[in-house]
Amino acid sequence: MDIVRQVGSHLASVLGSPVRLTLARAPESDRAPFHVATFANVPATGATTLVTLGLCDPPLAAPDGEPVRQELLLCAWNEHDAEALLQLLFSIGDTVRQNGESADFGDVIDLATSFGDPSPFPTHAFLYPPVYHPETIHDCPVQLDGRDATVELVWFIPLTPGEAEHVLAEGPKAFADLMASTDPDLLDLDRRDSA
């Protein structure tokens, strides 16, 4: 079974069957397109989780130059525009793929660069492990050429302006501390600043 099917099977075993599988628009490069799987009522009733499928193949380059296989995850309450969220994840996935560099935990991404100003989304996003989901989803076990390997899931969390400013000034650990002290609803993309 190819790596993308293995990741899809693992996600379905943890999150349930996807309610929708959407193919990315025609790629700008010669690399294979990727999909986005939509899971209903995950991580909570009334929420949706979107996960890229296929971003992991081929691998991306980690900061140390080592190859890493990743998929991106985005989740929000159903009140948010599902098509806009789908396009957001496609755009970020396409940017990651074109750059060929991994999306690393603790990084802050400037969304205005990707979508222009004004953007229908928050201006920044933070990359974090998907802690709102079962721990078994964080790393998807796969077999590659007869060897055990892992595909890492990276949660793409849109930030409020204050949260982004706080994390950029204080560093990635500041976000974990902020979450622990204020417990913001990270599924609410219109939430008030918690910083």
C-alpha atoms as a PDB file:
ATOM      1  CA  MET A   1       0.000   0.000   0.000  1.00  0.00           C
ATOM      2  CA  ASP A   2       1.439   3.422  -0.910  1.00  0.00           C
ATOM      3  CA  ILE A   3       2.253   5.958   1.797  1.00  0.00           C
ATOM      4  CA  VAL A   4      -0.745   8.216   1.110  1.00  0.00           C
ATOM      5  CA  ARG A   5      -3.190   5.306   1.440  1.00  0.00           C
ATOM      6  CA  GLN A   6      -1.454   4.241   4.668  1.00  0.00           C
ATOM      7  CA  VAL A   7      -1.849   7.732   6.136  1.00  0.00           C
ATOM      8  CA  GLY A   8      -5.480   7.881   4.989  1.00  0.00           C
ATOM      9  CA  SER A   9      -6.201   4.498   6.585  1.00  0.00           C
ATOM     10  CA  HIS A  10      -4.556   5.547   9.837  1.00  0.00           C
ATOM     11  CA  LEU A  11      -6.519   8.809   9.958  1.00  0.00           C
ATOM     12  CA  ALA A  12      -9.790   6.961   9.271  1.00  0.00           C
ATOM     13  CA  SER A  13      -9.026   4.446  12.043  1.00  0.00           C
ATOM     14  CA  VAL A  14      -8.591   7.301  14.545  1.00  0.00           C
ATOM     15  CA  LEU A  15     -10.963  10.023  13.277  1.00  0.00           C
ATOM     16  CA  GLY A  16     -13.574   7.990  11.392  1.00  0.00           C
ATOM     17  CA  SER A  17     -14.254   8.029   7.677  1.00  0.00           C
ATOM     18  CA  PRO A  18     -13.807  11.378   5.953  1.00  0.00           C
ATOM     19  CA  VAL A  19     -17.027  12.983   4.741  1.00  0.00           C
ATOM     20  CA  ARG A  20     -15.229  14.570   1.805  1.00  0.00           C
ATOM     21  CA  LEU A  21     -11.986  14.113  -0.111  1.00  0.00           C
ATOM     22  CA  THR A  22     -11.029  17.066  -2.289  1.00  0.00           C
ATOM     23  CA  LEU A  23      -8.223  17.070  -4.850  1.00  0.00           C
ATOM     24  CA  ALA A  24      -5.958  20.107  -4.973  1.00  0.00           C
ATOM     25  CA  ARG A  25      -6.223  22.253  -8.071  1.00  0.00           C
ATOM     26  CA  ALA A  26      -3.791  21.524 -10.887  1.00  0.00           C
ATOM     27  CA  PRO A  27      -0.320  21.767  -9.379  1.00  0.00           C
ATOM     28  CA  GLU A  28       2.060  24.466 -10.548  1.00  0.00           C
ATOM     29  CA  SER A  29       4.922  22.004 -10.435  1.00  0.00           C
ATOM     30  CA  ASP A  30       5.538  18.504 -11.737  1.00  0.00           C
ATOM     31  CA  ARG A  31       4.851  17.008  -8.303  1.00  0.00           C
ATOM     32  CA  ALA A  32       1.695  14.972  -7.772  1.00  0.00           C
ATOM     33  CA  PRO A  33      -1.270  16.889  -6.404  1.00  0.00           C
ATOM     34  CA  PHE A  34      -2.450  16.306  -2.858  1.00  0.00           C
ATOM     35  CA  HIS A  35      -5.922  15.948  -1.364  1.00  0.00           C
ATOM     36  CA  VAL A  36      -7.625  17.390   1.685  1.00  0.00           C
ATOM     37  CA  ALA A  37      -9.734  14.993   3.758  1.00  0.00           C
ATOM     38  CA  THR A  38     -12.601  16.528   5.734  1.00  0.00           C
ATOM     39  CA  PHE A  39     -13.672  14.875   8.993  1.00  0.00           C
ATOM     40  CA  ALA A  40     -16.978  15.882  10.611  1.00  0.00           C
ATOM     41  CA  ASN A  41     -17.481  16.357  14.357  1.00  0.00           C
ATOM     42  CA  VAL A  42     -13.767  16.082  15.057  1.00  0.00           C
ATOM     43  CA  PRO A  43     -12.268  17.013  17.512  1.00  0.00           C
ATOM     44  CA  ALA A  44     -15.695  17.885  18.966  1.00  0.00           C
ATOM     45  CA  THR A  45     -19.321  17.805  17.922  1.00  0.00           C
ATOM     46  CA  GLY A  46     -19.955  20.828  15.706  1.00  0.00           C
ATOM     47  CA  ALA A  47     -16.336  21.072  14.543  1.00  0.00           C
ATOM     48  CA  THR A  48     -14.537  20.039  11.367  1.00  0.00           C
ATOM     49  CA  THR A  49     -10.981  18.821  10.895  1.00  0.00           C
ATOM     50  CA  LEU A  50      -9.233  19.118   7.535  1.00  0.00           C
ATOM     51  CA  VAL A  51      -6.046  17.137   6.838  1.00  0.00           C
ATOM     52  CA  THR A  52      -3.834  17.146   3.758  1.00  0.00           C
ATOM     53  CA  LEU A  53      -3.233  13.752   2.175  1.00  0.00           C
ATOM     54  CA  GLY A  54      -0.238  13.398  -0.110  1.00  0.00           C
ATOM     55  CA  LEU A  55       1.862  16.305   1.102  1.00  0.00           C
ATOM     56  CA  CYS A  56       4.094  13.654   2.717  1.00  0.00           C
ATOM     57  CA  ASP A  57       5.209  12.252  -0.623  1.00  0.00           C
ATOM     58  CA  PRO A  58       7.878  13.252  -1.482  1.00  0.00           C
ATOM     59  CA  PRO A  59       9.514  14.142   1.842  1.00  0.00           C
ATOM     60  CA  LEU A  60      10.333  17.723   2.812  1.00  0.00           C
ATOM     61  CA  ALA A  61      13.652  19.026   4.110  1.00  0.00           C
ATOM     62  CA  ALA A  62      13.850  19.638   7.868  1.00  0.00           C
ATOM     63  CA  PRO A  63      16.041  22.532   9.134  1.00  0.00           C
ATOM     64  CA  ASP A  64      18.891  20.061   9.715  1.00  0.00           C
ATOM     65  CA  GLY A  65      18.591  18.885   6.108  1.00  0.00           C
ATOM     66  CA  GLU A  66      17.105  15.501   7.017  1.00  0.00           C
ATOM     67  CA  PRO A  67      14.020  14.362   5.079  1.00  0.00           C
ATOM     68  CA  VAL A  68      10.732  14.525   6.980  1.00  0.00           C
ATOM     69  CA  ARG A  69       7.266  13.438   5.917  1.00  0.00           C
ATOM     70  CA  GLN A  70       4.393  15.625   7.053  1.00  0.00           C
ATOM     71  CA  GLU A  71       0.718  16.367   6.596  1.00  0.00           C
ATOM     72  CA  LEU A  72      -1.006  19.562   7.752  1.00  0.00           C
ATOM     73  CA  LEU A  73      -4.128  19.686   9.907  1.00  0.00           C
ATOM     74  CA  LEU A  74      -6.582  22.560  10.403  1.00  0.00           C
ATOM     75  CA  CYS A  75      -9.692  22.470  12.579  1.00  0.00           C
ATOM     76  CA  ALA A  76     -12.472  24.934  13.329  1.00  0.00           C
ATOM     77  CA  TRP A  77     -16.081  25.197  14.434  1.00  0.00           C
ATOM     78  CA  ASN A  78     -18.598  24.576  11.656  1.00  0.00           C
ATOM     79  CA  GLU A  79     -19.721  28.231  11.735  1.00  0.00           C
ATOM     80  CA  HIS A  80     -16.578  29.131   9.797  1.00  0.00           C
ATOM     81  CA  ASP A  81     -16.675  29.077   5.989  1.00  0.00           C
ATOM     82  CA  ALA A  82     -15.733  25.492   5.052  1.00  0.00           C
ATOM     83  CA  GLU A  83     -14.724  26.395   1.489  1.00  0.00           C
ATOM     84  CA  ALA A  84     -12.492  29.222   2.687  1.00  0.00           C
ATOM     85  CA  LEU A  85     -10.811  26.876   5.191  1.00  0.00           C
ATOM     86  CA  LEU A  86     -10.313  24.291   2.443  1.00  0.00           C
ATOM     87  CA  GLN A  87      -8.693  26.912   0.213  1.00  0.00           C
ATOM     88  CA  LEU A  88      -6.522  28.078   3.121  1.00  0.00           C
ATOM     89  CA  LEU A  89      -5.192  24.568   3.699  1.00  0.00           C
ATOM     90  CA  PHE A  90      -4.651  24.020  -0.030  1.00  0.00           C
ATOM     91  CA  SER A  91      -2.723  27.285  -0.290  1.00  0.00           C
ATOM     92  CA  ILE A  92      -0.543  26.595   2.721  1.00  0.00           C
ATOM     93  CA  GLY A  93       0.063  23.006   1.592  1.00  0.00           C
ATOM     94  CA  ASP A  94       0.998  24.204  -1.883  1.00  0.00           C
ATOM     95  CA  THR A  95       3.391  26.786  -0.411  1.00  0.00           C
ATOM     96  CA  VAL A  96       5.030  24.163   1.816  1.00  0.00           C
ATOM     97  CA  ARG A  97       5.352  21.773  -1.120  1.00  0.00           C
ATOM     98  CA  GLN A  98       6.794  24.418  -3.465  1.00  0.00           C
ATOM     99  CA  ASN A  99       9.330  25.500  -0.823  1.00  0.00           C
ATOM    100  CA  GLY A 100      10.267  21.867  -0.190  1.00  0.00           C
ATOM    101  CA  GLU A 101      10.838  22.696   3.487  1.00  0.00           C
ATOM    102  CA  SER A 102       9.123  21.150   6.473  1.00  0.00           C
ATOM    103  CA  ALA A 103       6.482  22.948   8.525  1.00  0.00           C
ATOM    104  CA  ASP A 104       8.135  22.906  11.936  1.00  0.00           C
ATOM    105  CA  PHE A 105       6.488  22.985  15.349  1.00  0.00           C
ATOM    106  CA  GLY A 106       6.855  26.440  16.863  1.00  0.00           C
ATOM    107  CA  ASP A 107       7.029  28.290  13.551  1.00  0.00           C
ATOM    108  CA  VAL A 108       4.763  31.282  12.972  1.00  0.00           C
ATOM    109  CA  ILE A 109       3.541  31.727   9.392  1.00  0.00           C
ATOM    110  CA  ASP A 110       2.573  35.123   7.996  1.00  0.00           C
ATOM    111  CA  LEU A 111      -0.714  34.514   6.169  1.00  0.00           C
ATOM    112  CA  ALA A 112      -0.836  38.016   4.664  1.00  0.00           C
ATOM    113  CA  THR A 113       2.077  36.948   2.464  1.00  0.00           C
ATOM    114  CA  SER A 114      -0.014  34.061   1.140  1.00  0.00           C
ATOM    115  CA  PHE A 115      -3.365  35.765   0.810  1.00  0.00           C
ATOM    116  CA  GLY A 116      -2.701  39.469   0.544  1.00  0.00           C
ATOM    117  CA  ASP A 117      -4.374  42.140   2.581  1.00  0.00           C
ATOM    118  CA  PRO A 118      -7.137  42.070   3.587  1.00  0.00           C
ATOM    119  CA  SER A 119      -7.270  38.328   4.191  1.00  0.00           C
ATOM    120  CA  PRO A 120     -10.452  36.509   5.231  1.00  0.00           C
ATOM    121  CA  PHE A 121      -8.289  34.775   7.835  1.00  0.00           C
ATOM    122  CA  PRO A 122      -6.222  35.814  10.832  1.00  0.00           C
ATOM    123  CA  THR A 123      -2.884  37.320   9.854  1.00  0.00           C
ATOM    124  CA  HIS A 124      -0.671  34.583  11.312  1.00  0.00           C
ATOM    125  CA  ALA A 125      -0.725  30.898  12.151  1.00  0.00           C
ATOM    126  CA  PHE A 126       1.249  28.815  14.616  1.00  0.00           C
ATOM    127  CA  LEU A 127       2.453  25.262  13.910  1.00  0.00           C
ATOM    128  CA  TYR A 128       1.862  22.899  16.803  1.00  0.00           C
ATOM    129  CA  PRO A 129       1.194  19.227  17.525  1.00  0.00           C
ATOM    130  CA  PRO A 130      -2.537  18.427  17.107  1.00  0.00           C
ATOM    131  CA  VAL A 131      -3.243  18.249  20.853  1.00  0.00           C
ATOM    132  CA  TYR A 132      -7.028  18.619  20.439  1.00  0.00           C
ATOM    133  CA  HIS A 133      -6.980  15.202  18.734  1.00  0.00           C
ATOM    134  CA  PRO A 134      -6.099  11.736  20.062  1.00  0.00           C
ATOM    135  CA  GLU A 135      -2.366  11.296  20.568  1.00  0.00           C
ATOM    136  CA  THR A 136      -2.359   8.368  18.123  1.00  0.00           C
ATOM    137  CA  ILE A 137      -2.881  10.867  15.296  1.00  0.00           C
ATOM    138  CA  HIS A 138       0.262  12.926  16.001  1.00  0.00           C
ATOM    139  CA  ASP A 139       2.527  10.470  14.198  1.00  0.00           C
ATOM    140  CA  CYS A 140       1.135   8.135  11.534  1.00  0.00           C
ATOM    141  CA  PRO A 141       3.086   4.868  11.312  1.00  0.00           C
ATOM    142  CA  VAL A 142       3.810   3.783   7.736  1.00  0.00           C
ATOM    143  CA  GLN A 143       5.900   1.202   5.895  1.00  0.00           C
ATOM    144  CA  LEU A 144       8.337   2.475   3.270  1.00  0.00           C
ATOM    145  CA  ASP A 145      10.426  -0.009   1.328  1.00  0.00           C
ATOM    146  CA  GLY A 146       9.896  -2.575   4.079  1.00  0.00           C
ATOM    147  CA  ARG A 147      11.033  -0.227   6.855  1.00  0.00           C
ATOM    148  CA  ASP A 148       9.027   1.458   9.608  1.00  0.00           C
ATOM    149  CA  ALA A 149       8.634   5.193   9.096  1.00  0.00           C
ATOM    150  CA  THR A 150       6.489   8.017  10.452  1.00  0.00           C
ATOM    151  CA  VAL A 151       4.404  10.790   8.933  1.00  0.00           C
ATOM    152  CA  GLU A 152       4.108  13.733  11.288  1.00  0.00           C
ATOM    153  CA  LEU A 153       0.856  15.709  11.551  1.00  0.00           C
ATOM    154  CA  VAL A 154       1.291  19.445  12.096  1.00  0.00           C
ATOM    155  CA  TRP A 155      -1.615  21.528  13.420  1.00  0.00           C
ATOM    156  CA  PHE A 156      -1.944  24.817  11.610  1.00  0.00           C
ATOM    157  CA  ILE A 157      -3.507  27.166  14.240  1.00  0.00           C
ATOM    158  CA  PRO A 158      -4.676  30.604  13.053  1.00  0.00           C
ATOM    159  CA  LEU A 159      -3.639  33.226  15.628  1.00  0.00           C
ATOM    160  CA  THR A 160      -5.198  36.485  16.724  1.00  0.00           C
ATOM    161  CA  PRO A 161      -2.987  39.571  16.194  1.00  0.00           C
ATOM    162  CA  GLY A 162      -2.146  39.724  19.904  1.00  0.00           C
ATOM    163  CA  GLU A 163      -1.285  36.018  20.062  1.00  0.00           C
ATOM    164  CA  ALA A 164       0.945  36.338  16.995  1.00  0.00           C
ATOM    165  CA  GLU A 165       2.712  39.379  18.430  1.00  0.00           C
ATOM    166  CA  HIS A 166       3.205  37.586  21.754  1.00  0.00           C
ATOM    167  CA  VAL A 167       4.657  34.437  20.154  1.00  0.00           C
ATOM    168  CA  LEU A 168       6.893  36.394  17.766  1.00  0.00           C
ATOM    169  CA  ALA A 169       8.249  38.472  20.657  1.00  0.00           C
ATOM    170  CA  GLU A 170       8.513  35.746  23.301  1.00  0.00           C
ATOM    171  CA  GLY A 171       9.129  32.567  21.286  1.00  0.00           C
ATOM    172  CA  PRO A 172       7.215  29.319  20.705  1.00  0.00           C
ATOM    173  CA  LYS A 173       7.161  28.238  24.365  1.00  0.00           C
ATOM    174  CA  ALA A 174       5.164  31.397  25.045  1.00  0.00           C
ATOM    175  CA  PHE A 175       2.262  29.937  23.052  1.00  0.00           C
ATOM    176  CA  ALA A 176       2.123  26.780  25.167  1.00  0.00           C
ATOM    177  CA  ASP A 177       2.265  28.926  28.308  1.00  0.00           C
ATOM    178  CA  LEU A 178      -0.482  31.181  26.947  1.00  0.00           C
ATOM    179  CA  MET A 179      -2.690  28.163  26.183  1.00  0.00           C
ATOM    180  CA  ALA A 180      -2.162  26.799  29.681  1.00  0.00           C
ATOM    181  CA  SER A 181      -2.957  30.101  31.392  1.00  0.00           C
ATOM    182  CA  THR A 182      -5.886  31.370  29.273  1.00  0.00           C
ATOM    183  CA  ASP A 183      -7.259  28.177  27.640  1.00  0.00           C
ATOM    184  CA  PRO A 184      -8.400  29.932  24.429  1.00  0.00           C
ATOM    185  CA  ASP A 185     -10.871  28.174  22.130  1.00  0.00           C
ATOM    186  CA  LEU A 186      -8.510  27.446  19.241  1.00  0.00           C
ATOM    187  CA  LEU A 187     -11.407  26.207  17.086  1.00  0.00           C
ATOM    188  CA  ASP A 188     -12.923  29.704  17.167  1.00  0.00           C
ATOM    189  CA  LEU A 189     -11.071  31.574  14.421  1.00  0.00           C
ATOM    190  CA  ASP A 190     -12.884  34.792  15.423  1.00  0.00           C
ATOM    191  CA  ARG A 191     -11.868  34.550  19.101  1.00  0.00           C
ATOM    192  CA  ARG A 192     -10.764  37.576  21.067  1.00  0.00           C
ATOM    193  CA  ASP A 193      -7.081  38.029  21.802  1.00  0.00           C
ATOM    194  CA  SER A 194      -5.903  35.883  24.682  1.00  0.00           C
ATOM    195  CA  ALA A 195      -2.510  37.588  24.871  1.00  0.00           C
END
